[in-house]
C-alpha atoms as a PDB file:
ATOM      1  CA  MET A   1     -15.271 -30.768 -19.398  1.00  0.00           C
ATOM      2  CA  ARG A   2     -12.687 -29.799 -16.957  1.00  0.00           C
ATOM      3  CA  ILE A   3     -12.034 -26.641 -14.883  1.00  0.00           C
ATOM      4  CA  VAL A   4      -8.379 -25.645 -14.996  1.00  0.00           C
ATOM      5  CA  LEU A   5      -7.246 -23.118 -12.315  1.00  0.00           C
ATOM      6  CA  ASP A   6      -4.182 -21.042 -12.838  1.00  0.00           C
ATOM      7  CA  ARG A   7      -3.207 -20.784  -9.063  1.00  0.00           C
ATOM      8  CA  PRO A   8      -0.543 -18.081  -9.293  1.00  0.00           C
ATOM      9  CA  ARG A   9      -2.782 -15.829 -11.191  1.00  0.00           C
ATOM     10  CA  CYS A  10      -5.797 -16.201  -8.639  1.00  0.00           C
ATOM     11  CA  GLU A  11      -6.200 -13.192  -6.520  1.00  0.00           C
ATOM     12  CA  GLY A  12      -9.188 -14.635  -4.313  1.00  0.00           C
ATOM     13  CA  HIS A  13     -11.740 -12.131  -5.405  1.00  0.00           C
ATOM     14  CA  ASP A  14     -14.528 -14.845  -4.653  1.00  0.00           C
ATOM     15  CA  LEU A  15     -16.666 -14.097  -7.653  1.00  0.00           C
ATOM     16  CA  CYS A  16     -16.296 -17.516  -9.082  1.00  0.00           C
ATOM     17  CA  GLU A  17     -17.312 -19.111  -5.800  1.00  0.00           C
ATOM     18  CA  GLU A  18     -20.575 -16.938  -5.702  1.00  0.00           C
ATOM     19  CA  ALA A  19     -21.228 -18.095  -9.516  1.00  0.00           C
ATOM     20  CA  ALA A  20     -20.479 -21.905  -8.678  1.00  0.00           C
ATOM     21  CA  PRO A  21     -20.537 -22.626  -5.233  1.00  0.00           C
ATOM     22  CA  ARG A  22     -21.125 -26.301  -5.824  1.00  0.00           C
ATOM     23  CA  LEU A  23     -17.834 -26.565  -7.634  1.00  0.00           C
ATOM     24  CA  MET A  24     -15.334 -24.175  -5.780  1.00  0.00           C
ATOM     25  CA  HIS A  25     -14.722 -22.235  -2.678  1.00  0.00           C
ATOM     26  CA  LEU A  26     -12.038 -20.169  -0.971  1.00  0.00           C
ATOM     27  CA  ASP A  27     -10.432 -21.800   1.997  1.00  0.00           C
ATOM     28  CA  ASP A  28      -9.630 -20.202   5.422  1.00  0.00           C
ATOM     29  CA  ASP A  29      -6.424 -18.675   3.748  1.00  0.00           C
ATOM     30  CA  GLY A  30      -8.427 -17.310   0.996  1.00  0.00           C
ATOM     31  CA  GLU A  31      -6.983 -19.912  -1.642  1.00  0.00           C
ATOM     32  CA  LEU A  32      -9.245 -21.078  -4.292  1.00  0.00           C
ATOM     33  CA  VAL A  33     -10.147 -24.747  -3.905  1.00  0.00           C
ATOM     34  CA  LEU A  34     -11.664 -26.611  -6.882  1.00  0.00           C
ATOM     35  CA  ASP A  35     -14.207 -29.047  -5.299  1.00  0.00           C
ATOM     36  CA  ARG A  36     -14.538 -30.807  -8.551  1.00  0.00           C
ATOM     37  CA  GLU A  37     -12.282 -30.460 -11.629  1.00  0.00           C
ATOM     38  CA  GLU A  38     -14.290 -32.836 -13.897  1.00  0.00           C
ATOM     39  CA  VAL A  39     -17.701 -31.219 -14.659  1.00  0.00           C
ATOM     40  CA  GLY A  40     -20.803 -32.840 -16.078  1.00  0.00           C
ATOM     41  CA  GLU A  41     -23.315 -31.474 -18.289  1.00  0.00           C
ATOM     42  CA  ALA A  42     -25.650 -30.547 -15.378  1.00  0.00           C
ATOM     43  CA  ASP A  43     -23.005 -28.016 -13.921  1.00  0.00           C
ATOM     44  CA  ALA A  44     -21.534 -26.777 -17.202  1.00  0.00           C
ATOM     45  CA  GLY A  45     -23.419 -23.645 -16.923  1.00  0.00           C
ATOM     46  CA  LEU A  46     -21.988 -22.991 -13.464  1.00  0.00           C
ATOM     47  CA  ALA A  47     -18.272 -23.753 -14.584  1.00  0.00           C
ATOM     48  CA  ASN A  48     -18.754 -21.259 -17.531  1.00  0.00           C
ATOM     49  CA  ALA A  49     -20.285 -18.559 -15.275  1.00  0.00           C
ATOM     50  CA  ALA A  50     -17.283 -19.001 -12.847  1.00  0.00           C
ATOM     51  CA  VAL A  51     -14.825 -18.571 -15.787  1.00  0.00           C
ATOM     52  CA  ARG A  52     -16.594 -15.553 -17.067  1.00  0.00           C
ATOM     53  CA  VAL A  53     -16.805 -13.600 -13.712  1.00  0.00           C
ATOM     54  CA  CYS A  54     -13.001 -14.198 -12.891  1.00  0.00           C
ATOM     55  CA  PRO A  55     -11.390 -10.493 -13.258  1.00  0.00           C
ATOM     56  CA  VAL A  56      -7.956 -11.996 -13.679  1.00  0.00           C
ATOM     57  CA  ALA A  57      -8.940 -14.949 -15.956  1.00  0.00           C
ATOM     58  CA  ALA A  58      -7.421 -17.540 -13.498  1.00  0.00           C
ATOM     59  CA  LEU A  59      -9.937 -20.090 -14.610  1.00  0.00           C
ATOM     60  CA  ARG A  60     -10.533 -21.652 -17.974  1.00  0.00           C
ATOM     61  CA  ILE A  61     -12.470 -24.644 -19.470  1.00  0.00           C
ATOM     62  CA  ALA A  62     -10.650 -27.455 -20.865  1.00  0.00           C
END
């Protein structure tokens, strides 16, 4: 499972980081950084939650 970020679409709402802080964070400039693109079964729920809460659909699972 892999998290894919559509960077131009991301508006930095921070909801994804709240849902999956082990997988992503906003940097000092408010840009989303994926700490891990490849996600194992243990973090699949977090990754799916981050995708669901994004209000601009900037994240997807591949």
